[in-house]
Amino acid sequence: MKLLLLVFFLPFLFFAQPTLVSWNLQNFGSSKTDQSVVFIASILKDYDIVALQEIVVNPSGAQAVAKLAAELTKTGTKWTYAVSDPTTSSAYKAERYAFLWKTHVVQLIGKPWLEKKYHLEIDREPFYATFHYQNKPFTVVNFHAITQKRQPETEIKYFKFLPEHYPNLTLLFVGDFNCPETHTVFNPLKKMGYASAFENQKTTLRTQCIQNDCLASAFDNIYYPTSSVTLQQKGIIPFYEFFQNWNDARKVSDHVPIWIQFQIH
């Protein structure tokens, strides 16, 4: 692992508005060393809210999230976290989600919850958390879709109904959709005024880099309502550049984190 300054990847030093990261951490809680958790914390420490997917169901998953929050706090800012109950799909497919956030930047409102609507139609039902930033509320909807081979569009199609179920909430849909934003399944959301933060941005790691082309599929994204949210900055964090060995990088995750800086109207 290269010991480089992570600020190299940041186009800013101070955030005037909140920042949100989404990251599929690939079996977090079963396959990460303590050194990996410290590394992950060093990647995430400069952001405000983190949405994680693919937390393992057994107790080691929640314990890993707690360890990550502790490592983030060691960097000099108080962090806390919330871990979901297991999703209600079969035991083989079930996972947990997690949120972590800086307590002095945003405040959690109420208790996060797994979506009960369409839980039979969606294998890993999304995990919601509502935050306040300077008295402006917004709700992050954390989601991990079924694999591309299993046709994630068959469950993503139900997302078009969620805004009408929560008309008083500003919803930001984040996570690993296993489906690019160009798919027609996202058209209903787009017609409702939602935009994708990323277009044609690959976010999954190849099994091997091919002539410095290390990313494979545009699966991770953030969808936000343009009527109430302004996107200010965005990016991916190519954490694999800190590793000399590609297999060591993939032990951290087979996805890169994505981030946005945004303003709530």
C-alpha atoms as a PDB file:
ATOM      1  CA  MET A   1       0.000   0.000   0.000  1.00  0.00           C
ATOM      2  CA  LYS A   2       1.407   3.359  -0.972  1.00  0.00           C
ATOM      3  CA  LEU A   3       1.472   5.947   1.782  1.00  0.00           C
ATOM      4  CA  LEU A   4       0.336   8.964  -0.186  1.00  0.00           C
ATOM      5  CA  LEU A   5      -1.677  12.007   0.834  1.00  0.00           C
ATOM      6  CA  LEU A   6      -5.313  11.422  -0.032  1.00  0.00           C
ATOM      7  CA  VAL A   7      -5.865  15.136  -0.500  1.00  0.00           C
ATOM      8  CA  PHE A   8      -4.305  14.588  -3.917  1.00  0.00           C
ATOM      9  CA  PHE A   9      -7.706  13.465  -5.142  1.00  0.00           C
ATOM     10  CA  LEU A  10      -9.703  16.292  -3.594  1.00  0.00           C
ATOM     11  CA  PRO A  11     -10.397  19.397  -5.704  1.00  0.00           C
ATOM     12  CA  PHE A  12     -11.226  21.329  -2.549  1.00  0.00           C
ATOM     13  CA  LEU A  13      -9.980  21.754   0.989  1.00  0.00           C
ATOM     14  CA  PHE A  14     -13.077  23.134   2.684  1.00  0.00           C
ATOM     15  CA  PHE A  15     -16.688  22.305   1.903  1.00  0.00           C
ATOM     16  CA  ALA A  16     -19.231  25.113   1.873  1.00  0.00           C
ATOM     17  CA  GLN A  17     -22.037  22.570   1.451  1.00  0.00           C
ATOM     18  CA  PRO A  18     -22.425  18.954   2.623  1.00  0.00           C
ATOM     19  CA  THR A  19     -20.713  16.095   0.833  1.00  0.00           C
ATOM     20  CA  LEU A  20     -22.080  12.589   0.385  1.00  0.00           C
ATOM     21  CA  VAL A  21     -20.170   9.411  -0.470  1.00  0.00           C
ATOM     22  CA  SER A  22     -21.609   6.092  -1.639  1.00  0.00           C
ATOM     23  CA  TRP A  23     -19.481   2.940  -1.608  1.00  0.00           C
ATOM     24  CA  ASN A  24     -20.137  -0.757  -2.090  1.00  0.00           C
ATOM     25  CA  LEU A  25     -17.548  -2.260   0.256  1.00  0.00           C
ATOM     26  CA  GLN A  26     -17.884  -5.870  -0.929  1.00  0.00           C
ATOM     27  CA  ASN A  27     -18.672  -8.139   2.013  1.00  0.00           C
ATOM     28  CA  PHE A  28     -17.653  -5.602   4.617  1.00  0.00           C
ATOM     29  CA  GLY A  29     -17.311  -7.390   7.909  1.00  0.00           C
ATOM     30  CA  SER A  30     -16.013 -10.683   6.558  1.00  0.00           C
ATOM     31  CA  SER A  31     -13.077  -9.907   4.316  1.00  0.00           C
ATOM     32  CA  LYS A  32     -11.321  -6.734   5.554  1.00  0.00           C
ATOM     33  CA  THR A  33      -8.219  -6.591   7.711  1.00  0.00           C
ATOM     34  CA  ASP A  34      -7.722  -3.951  10.399  1.00  0.00           C
ATOM     35  CA  GLN A  35      -5.242  -2.296   8.049  1.00  0.00           C
ATOM     36  CA  SER A  36      -7.930  -2.141   5.357  1.00  0.00           C
ATOM     37  CA  VAL A  37     -10.375  -0.459   7.761  1.00  0.00           C
ATOM     38  CA  VAL A  38      -7.757   2.174   8.603  1.00  0.00           C
ATOM     39  CA  PHE A  39      -7.184   2.715   4.881  1.00  0.00           C
ATOM     40  CA  ILE A  40     -10.928   3.023   4.189  1.00  0.00           C
ATOM     41  CA  ALA A  41     -11.187   5.626   6.955  1.00  0.00           C
ATOM     42  CA  SER A  42      -8.366   7.615   5.366  1.00  0.00           C
ATOM     43  CA  ILE A  43     -10.314   7.613   2.096  1.00  0.00           C
ATOM     44  CA  LEU A  44     -13.581   8.792   3.680  1.00  0.00           C
ATOM     45  CA  LYS A  45     -12.459  11.209   6.394  1.00  0.00           C
ATOM     46  CA  ASP A  46     -12.793  14.411   4.357  1.00  0.00           C
ATOM     47  CA  TYR A  47     -16.488  13.882   3.552  1.00  0.00           C
ATOM     48  CA  ASP A  48     -19.604  14.423   5.666  1.00  0.00           C
ATOM     49  CA  ILE A  49     -22.013  11.534   5.051  1.00  0.00           C
ATOM     50  CA  VAL A  50     -21.168   8.016   3.910  1.00  0.00           C
ATOM     51  CA  ALA A  51     -23.651   5.462   2.562  1.00  0.00           C
ATOM     52  CA  LEU A  52     -22.279   1.910   2.507  1.00  0.00           C
ATOM     53  CA  GLN A  53     -23.657  -1.136   0.759  1.00  0.00           C
ATOM     54  CA  GLU A  54     -22.869  -4.846   1.095  1.00  0.00           C
ATOM     55  CA  ILE A  55     -22.404  -5.103   4.861  1.00  0.00           C
ATOM     56  CA  VAL A  56     -22.539  -8.749   5.917  1.00  0.00           C
ATOM     57  CA  VAL A  57     -25.504  -9.870   8.009  1.00  0.00           C
ATOM     58  CA  ASN A  58     -23.629 -11.639  10.790  1.00  0.00           C
ATOM     59  CA  PRO A  59     -22.491  -9.582  13.830  1.00  0.00           C
ATOM     60  CA  SER A  60     -19.070  -8.951  12.323  1.00  0.00           C
ATOM     61  CA  GLY A  61     -20.714  -6.640   9.768  1.00  0.00           C
ATOM     62  CA  ALA A  62     -22.066  -4.188  12.339  1.00  0.00           C
ATOM     63  CA  GLN A  63     -18.827  -4.517  14.294  1.00  0.00           C
ATOM     64  CA  ALA A  64     -16.825  -3.541  11.225  1.00  0.00           C
ATOM     65  CA  VAL A  65     -18.967  -0.427  10.755  1.00  0.00           C
ATOM     66  CA  ALA A  66     -18.427   0.509  14.407  1.00  0.00           C
ATOM     67  CA  LYS A  67     -14.681   0.009  13.961  1.00  0.00           C
ATOM     68  CA  LEU A  68     -14.729   2.209  10.852  1.00  0.00           C
ATOM     69  CA  ALA A  69     -16.601   4.965  12.739  1.00  0.00           C
ATOM     70  CA  ALA A  70     -13.998   4.773  15.500  1.00  0.00           C
ATOM     71  CA  GLU A  71     -11.161   5.051  12.990  1.00  0.00           C
ATOM     72  CA  LEU A  72     -12.846   8.032  11.348  1.00  0.00           C
ATOM     73  CA  THR A  73     -13.180   9.748  14.720  1.00  0.00           C
ATOM     74  CA  LYS A  74      -9.459   9.168  15.317  1.00  0.00           C
ATOM     75  CA  THR A  75      -8.781  11.434  12.333  1.00  0.00           C
ATOM     76  CA  GLY A  76      -9.942  14.401  14.415  1.00  0.00           C
ATOM     77  CA  THR A  77     -13.691  14.755  13.853  1.00  0.00           C
ATOM     78  CA  LYS A  78     -16.534  13.007  15.697  1.00  0.00           C
ATOM     79  CA  TRP A  79     -18.367  10.449  13.557  1.00  0.00           C
ATOM     80  CA  THR A  80     -21.325   8.235  14.383  1.00  0.00           C
ATOM     81  CA  TYR A  81     -23.195   5.564  12.447  1.00  0.00           C
ATOM     82  CA  ALA A  82     -26.380   3.576  11.878  1.00  0.00           C
ATOM     83  CA  VAL A  83     -26.560  -0.002  10.579  1.00  0.00           C
ATOM     84  CA  SER A  84     -29.724  -1.468   9.077  1.00  0.00           C
ATOM     85  CA  ASP A  85     -31.387  -4.699  10.049  1.00  0.00           C
ATOM     86  CA  PRO A  86     -30.792  -7.474   7.501  1.00  0.00           C
ATOM     87  CA  THR A  87     -32.749  -7.033   4.308  1.00  0.00           C
ATOM     88  CA  THR A  88     -35.641  -9.435   3.990  1.00  0.00           C
ATOM     89  CA  SER A  89     -34.512 -11.406   0.949  1.00  0.00           C
ATOM     90  CA  SER A  90     -33.280 -14.968   1.324  1.00  0.00           C
ATOM     91  CA  ALA A  91     -30.402 -15.561   3.719  1.00  0.00           C
ATOM     92  CA  TYR A  92     -28.045 -16.055   0.779  1.00  0.00           C
ATOM     93  CA  LYS A  93     -28.800 -12.603  -0.651  1.00  0.00           C
ATOM     94  CA  ALA A  94     -29.540 -10.683   2.544  1.00  0.00           C
ATOM     95  CA  GLU A  95     -27.220  -7.826   3.521  1.00  0.00           C
ATOM     96  CA  ARG A  96     -27.103  -4.789   5.755  1.00  0.00           C
ATOM     97  CA  TYR A  97     -26.633  -1.133   4.833  1.00  0.00           C
ATOM     98  CA  ALA A  98     -24.881   1.534   6.874  1.00  0.00           C
ATOM     99  CA  PHE A  99     -24.672   5.302   7.196  1.00  0.00           C
ATOM    100  CA  LEU A 100     -21.812   7.167   8.853  1.00  0.00           C
ATOM    101  CA  TRP A 101     -21.725  10.934   9.344  1.00  0.00           C
ATOM    102  CA  LYS A 102     -19.928  13.827  10.993  1.00  0.00           C
ATOM    103  CA  THR A 103     -22.054  14.896  13.914  1.00  0.00           C
ATOM    104  CA  HIS A 104     -21.057  18.570  13.778  1.00  0.00           C
ATOM    105  CA  VAL A 105     -21.984  18.895  10.098  1.00  0.00           C
ATOM    106  CA  VAL A 106     -25.311  17.058   9.801  1.00  0.00           C
ATOM    107  CA  GLN A 107     -27.836  15.801  12.329  1.00  0.00           C
ATOM    108  CA  LEU A 108     -29.874  12.619  12.024  1.00  0.00           C
ATOM    109  CA  ILE A 109     -33.632  13.193  12.258  1.00  0.00           C
ATOM    110  CA  GLY A 110     -35.635  10.300  13.638  1.00  0.00           C
ATOM    111  CA  LYS A 111     -34.590   6.703  13.115  1.00  0.00           C
ATOM    112  CA  PRO A 112     -33.355   5.236   9.795  1.00  0.00           C
ATOM    113  CA  TRP A 113     -35.586   2.567   8.318  1.00  0.00           C
ATOM    114  CA  LEU A 114     -35.723  -0.183   5.732  1.00  0.00           C
ATOM    115  CA  GLU A 115     -38.389   0.466   3.115  1.00  0.00           C
ATOM    116  CA  LYS A 116     -41.464  -1.683   3.743  1.00  0.00           C
ATOM    117  CA  LYS A 117     -43.192  -0.824   0.482  1.00  0.00           C
ATOM    118  CA  TYR A 118     -42.312  -3.220  -2.337  1.00  0.00           C
ATOM    119  CA  HIS A 119     -40.132  -5.321  -0.041  1.00  0.00           C
ATOM    120  CA  LEU A 120     -41.487  -8.382  -1.807  1.00  0.00           C
ATOM    121  CA  GLU A 121     -40.590  -6.952  -5.209  1.00  0.00           C
ATOM    122  CA  ILE A 122     -37.147  -5.625  -4.189  1.00  0.00           C
ATOM    123  CA  ASP A 123     -34.697  -8.203  -2.859  1.00  0.00           C
ATOM    124  CA  ARG A 124     -32.615  -5.817  -0.748  1.00  0.00           C
ATOM    125  CA  GLU A 125     -35.081  -3.107   0.165  1.00  0.00           C
ATOM    126  CA  PRO A 126     -33.462   0.365   0.465  1.00  0.00           C
ATOM    127  CA  PHE A 127     -32.379   1.924   3.746  1.00  0.00           C
ATOM    128  CA  TYR A 128     -33.477   5.519   4.455  1.00  0.00           C
ATOM    129  CA  ALA A 129     -32.005   8.150   6.750  1.00  0.00           C
ATOM    130  CA  THR A 130     -33.127  11.758   7.072  1.00  0.00           C
ATOM    131  CA  PHE A 131     -30.558  14.407   7.928  1.00  0.00           C
ATOM    132  CA  HIS A 132     -30.587  18.134   8.615  1.00  0.00           C
ATOM    133  CA  TYR A 133     -27.924  20.439   7.251  1.00  0.00           C
ATOM    134  CA  GLN A 134     -28.352  23.974   8.597  1.00  0.00           C
ATOM    135  CA  ASN A 135     -32.053  23.201   9.229  1.00  0.00           C
ATOM    136  CA  LYS A 136     -32.541  21.929   5.683  1.00  0.00           C
ATOM    137  CA  PRO A 137     -33.738  18.295   5.675  1.00  0.00           C
ATOM    138  CA  PHE A 138     -32.965  15.659   3.066  1.00  0.00           C
ATOM    139  CA  THR A 139     -33.308  11.880   2.981  1.00  0.00           C
ATOM    140  CA  VAL A 140     -30.674   9.530   1.612  1.00  0.00           C
ATOM    141  CA  VAL A 141     -32.041   6.293   0.152  1.00  0.00           C
ATOM    142  CA  ASN A 142     -29.275   3.685   0.250  1.00  0.00           C
ATOM    143  CA  PHE A 143     -29.669   0.791  -2.203  1.00  0.00           C
ATOM    144  CA  HIS A 144     -27.917  -2.304  -3.560  1.00  0.00           C
ATOM    145  CA  ALA A 145     -29.678  -3.895  -6.515  1.00  0.00           C
ATOM    146  CA  ILE A 146     -29.629  -7.519  -7.578  1.00  0.00           C
ATOM    147  CA  THR A 147     -26.897  -8.472 -10.043  1.00  0.00           C
ATOM    148  CA  GLN A 148     -27.001  -7.544 -13.689  1.00  0.00           C
ATOM    149  CA  LYS A 149     -27.598 -11.178 -14.664  1.00  0.00           C
ATOM    150  CA  ARG A 150     -30.756 -11.156 -12.549  1.00  0.00           C
ATOM    151  CA  GLN A 151     -32.085  -7.998 -14.257  1.00  0.00           C
ATOM    152  CA  PRO A 152     -31.997  -5.217 -11.632  1.00  0.00           C
ATOM    153  CA  GLU A 153     -34.392  -3.156 -13.730  1.00  0.00           C
ATOM    154  CA  THR A 154     -37.172  -5.462 -12.542  1.00  0.00           C
ATOM    155  CA  GLU A 155     -36.861  -3.959  -9.060  1.00  0.00           C
ATOM    156  CA  ILE A 156     -35.542  -0.482  -9.909  1.00  0.00           C
ATOM    157  CA  LYS A 157     -38.800   0.150 -11.763  1.00  0.00           C
ATOM    158  CA  TYR A 158     -40.550   0.510  -8.395  1.00  0.00           C
ATOM    159  CA  PHE A 159     -38.429   3.522  -7.458  1.00  0.00           C
ATOM    160  CA  LYS A 160     -40.675   5.762  -9.554  1.00  0.00           C
ATOM    161  CA  PHE A 161     -43.392   5.232  -6.924  1.00  0.00           C
ATOM    162  CA  LEU A 162     -41.292   6.151  -3.886  1.00  0.00           C
ATOM    163  CA  PRO A 163     -41.372   9.964  -4.234  1.00  0.00           C
ATOM    164  CA  GLU A 164     -45.174   9.959  -4.137  1.00  0.00           C
ATOM    165  CA  HIS A 165     -45.109   7.831  -0.977  1.00  0.00           C
ATOM    166  CA  TYR A 166     -42.870  10.444   0.667  1.00  0.00           C
ATOM    167  CA  PRO A 167     -44.067  13.753  -0.830  1.00  0.00           C
ATOM    168  CA  ASN A 168     -42.638  15.787   2.050  1.00  0.00           C
ATOM    169  CA  LEU A 169     -39.133  14.333   1.794  1.00  0.00           C
ATOM    170  CA  THR A 170     -36.276  15.360  -0.478  1.00  0.00           C
ATOM    171  CA  LEU A 171     -35.048  11.945  -1.625  1.00  0.00           C
ATOM    172  CA  LEU A 172     -31.558  11.223  -2.916  1.00  0.00           C
ATOM    173  CA  PHE A 173     -31.247   7.689  -4.306  1.00  0.00           C
ATOM    174  CA  VAL A 174     -27.688   6.429  -3.902  1.00  0.00           C
ATOM    175  CA  GLY A 175     -25.844   3.150  -4.217  1.00  0.00           C
ATOM    176  CA  ASP A 176     -24.968   0.273  -6.474  1.00  0.00           C
ATOM    177  CA  PHE A 177     -27.761  -0.139  -9.013  1.00  0.00           C
ATOM    178  CA  ASN A 178     -25.963  -2.797 -11.098  1.00  0.00           C
ATOM    179  CA  CYS A 179     -27.454  -0.873 -14.007  1.00  0.00           C
ATOM    180  CA  PRO A 180     -26.171   2.152 -15.957  1.00  0.00           C
ATOM    181  CA  GLU A 181     -28.033   5.452 -15.879  1.00  0.00           C
ATOM    182  CA  THR A 182     -28.651   5.111 -19.617  1.00  0.00           C
ATOM    183  CA  HIS A 183     -31.113   2.265 -19.022  1.00  0.00           C
ATOM    184  CA  THR A 184     -34.722   3.172 -19.779  1.00  0.00           C
ATOM    185  CA  VAL A 185     -35.799   2.019 -16.308  1.00  0.00           C
ATOM    186  CA  PHE A 186     -34.585   5.389 -15.004  1.00  0.00           C
ATOM    187  CA  ASN A 187     -36.674   7.391 -17.491  1.00  0.00           C
ATOM    188  CA  PRO A 188     -39.710   7.728 -15.184  1.00  0.00           C
ATOM    189  CA  LEU A 189     -37.536   9.237 -12.443  1.00  0.00           C
ATOM    190  CA  LYS A 190     -35.916  11.565 -14.954  1.00  0.00           C
ATOM    191  CA  LYS A 191     -39.344  12.688 -16.161  1.00  0.00           C
ATOM    192  CA  MET A 192     -40.180  13.493 -12.528  1.00  0.00           C
ATOM    193  CA  GLY A 193     -37.211  15.854 -12.381  1.00  0.00           C
ATOM    194  CA  TYR A 194     -34.500  13.535 -11.070  1.00  0.00           C
ATOM    195  CA  ALA A 195     -31.030  13.696 -12.567  1.00  0.00           C
ATOM    196  CA  SER A 196     -28.112  11.306 -12.330  1.00  0.00           C
ATOM    197  CA  ALA A 197     -24.988  12.775 -10.812  1.00  0.00           C
ATOM    198  CA  PHE A 198     -22.813  10.647 -13.105  1.00  0.00           C
ATOM    199  CA  GLU A 199     -23.061   9.858 -16.799  1.00  0.00           C
ATOM    200  CA  ASN A 200     -20.989   7.161 -18.446  1.00  0.00           C
ATOM    201  CA  GLN A 201     -18.792   6.974 -15.340  1.00  0.00           C
ATOM    202  CA  LYS A 202     -17.477   3.474 -14.726  1.00  0.00           C
ATOM    203  CA  THR A 203     -17.302   2.546 -11.050  1.00  0.00           C
ATOM    204  CA  THR A 204     -16.526  -1.184 -10.807  1.00  0.00           C
ATOM    205  CA  LEU A 205     -13.003  -2.577 -10.863  1.00  0.00           C
ATOM    206  CA  ARG A 206     -11.846  -4.904 -13.614  1.00  0.00           C
ATOM    207  CA  THR A 207     -10.265  -8.177 -12.604  1.00  0.00           C
ATOM    208  CA  GLN A 208      -7.095  -6.708 -14.123  1.00  0.00           C
ATOM    209  CA  CYS A 209      -6.202  -3.298 -15.529  1.00  0.00           C
ATOM    210  CA  ILE A 210      -5.911  -3.260 -19.309  1.00  0.00           C
ATOM    211  CA  GLN A 211      -3.459  -0.575 -20.456  1.00  0.00           C
ATOM    212  CA  ASN A 212      -4.364   1.625 -17.481  1.00  0.00           C
ATOM    213  CA  ASP A 213      -8.072   1.016 -18.073  1.00  0.00           C
ATOM    214  CA  CYS A 214      -9.034  -0.292 -14.640  1.00  0.00           C
ATOM    215  CA  LEU A 215     -12.799   0.264 -14.442  1.00  0.00           C
ATOM    216  CA  ALA A 216     -15.473  -1.915 -16.003  1.00  0.00           C
ATOM    217  CA  SER A 217     -19.133  -0.871 -15.501  1.00  0.00           C
ATOM    218  CA  ALA A 218     -21.138   2.273 -14.729  1.00  0.00           C
ATOM    219  CA  PHE A 219     -23.231   0.810 -11.922  1.00  0.00           C
ATOM    220  CA  ASP A 220     -22.907   3.210  -8.947  1.00  0.00           C
ATOM    221  CA  ASN A 221     -24.736   6.512  -9.048  1.00  0.00           C
ATOM    222  CA  ILE A 222     -26.678   9.174  -7.166  1.00  0.00           C
ATOM    223  CA  TYR A 223     -30.080  10.370  -8.378  1.00  0.00           C
ATOM    224  CA  TYR A 224     -31.300  13.695  -7.001  1.00  0.00           C
ATOM    225  CA  PRO A 225     -34.359  15.949  -7.520  1.00  0.00           C
ATOM    226  CA  THR A 226     -33.259  19.015  -9.454  1.00  0.00           C
ATOM    227  CA  SER A 227     -36.173  21.040  -8.052  1.00  0.00           C
ATOM    228  CA  SER A 228     -34.750  20.943  -4.530  1.00  0.00           C
ATOM    229  CA  VAL A 229     -31.096  19.941  -4.883  1.00  0.00           C
ATOM    230  CA  THR A 230     -28.256  21.593  -6.772  1.00  0.00           C
ATOM    231  CA  LEU A 231     -25.227  19.505  -7.607  1.00  0.00           C
ATOM    232  CA  GLN A 232     -22.068  21.515  -7.011  1.00  0.00           C
ATOM    233  CA  GLN A 233     -19.239  19.024  -7.421  1.00  0.00           C
ATOM    234  CA  LYS A 234     -18.858  15.301  -7.998  1.00  0.00           C
ATOM    235  CA  GLY A 235     -16.219  12.672  -8.481  1.00  0.00           C
ATOM    236  CA  ILE A 236     -14.956   9.169  -7.917  1.00  0.00           C
ATOM    237  CA  ILE A 237     -12.096   8.193  -5.627  1.00  0.00           C
ATOM    238  CA  PRO A 238      -9.695   5.877  -7.500  1.00  0.00           C
ATOM    239  CA  PHE A 239      -8.365   4.318  -4.310  1.00  0.00           C
ATOM    240  CA  TYR A 240      -6.662   1.541  -6.246  1.00  0.00           C
ATOM    241  CA  GLU A 241      -3.942   4.003  -7.271  1.00  0.00           C
ATOM    242  CA  PHE A 242      -2.583   3.690  -3.735  1.00  0.00           C
ATOM    243  CA  PHE A 243      -1.722   0.035  -4.328  1.00  0.00           C
ATOM    244  CA  GLN A 244       1.121  -1.494  -6.259  1.00  0.00           C
ATOM    245  CA  ASN A 245      -0.625  -4.868  -6.337  1.00  0.00           C
ATOM    246  CA  TRP A 246      -4.002  -5.008  -8.066  1.00  0.00           C
ATOM    247  CA  ASN A 247      -5.196  -7.970  -6.024  1.00  0.00           C
ATOM    248  CA  ASP A 248      -4.513  -6.014  -2.822  1.00  0.00           C
ATOM    249  CA  ALA A 249      -6.662  -3.157  -4.136  1.00  0.00           C
ATOM    250  CA  ARG A 250      -9.533  -5.513  -4.926  1.00  0.00           C
ATOM    251  CA  LYS A 251      -9.408  -6.853  -1.376  1.00  0.00           C
ATOM    252  CA  VAL A 252     -10.639  -3.407  -0.282  1.00  0.00           C
ATOM    253  CA  SER A 253     -13.534  -3.404  -2.761  1.00  0.00           C
ATOM    254  CA  ASP A 254     -14.479  -4.147  -6.343  1.00  0.00           C
ATOM    255  CA  HIS A 255     -16.139  -0.700  -6.544  1.00  0.00           C
ATOM    256  CA  VAL A 256     -14.731   2.804  -6.240  1.00  0.00           C
ATOM    257  CA  PRO A 257     -16.472   5.316  -3.971  1.00  0.00           C
ATOM    258  CA  ILE A 258     -18.486   8.058  -5.644  1.00  0.00           C
ATOM    259  CA  TRP A 259     -19.148  11.465  -4.051  1.00  0.00           C
ATOM    260  CA  ILE A 260     -21.109  14.638  -4.547  1.00  0.00           C
ATOM    261  CA  GLN A 261     -21.198  18.054  -2.946  1.00  0.00           C
ATOM    262  CA  PHE A 262     -24.744  19.426  -3.037  1.00  0.00           C
ATOM    263  CA  GLN A 263     -26.947  22.267  -1.919  1.00  0.00           C
ATOM    264  CA  ILE A 264     -30.474  21.863  -0.552  1.00  0.00           C
ATOM    265  CA  HIS A 265     -32.783  24.651  -1.689  1.00  0.00           C
END
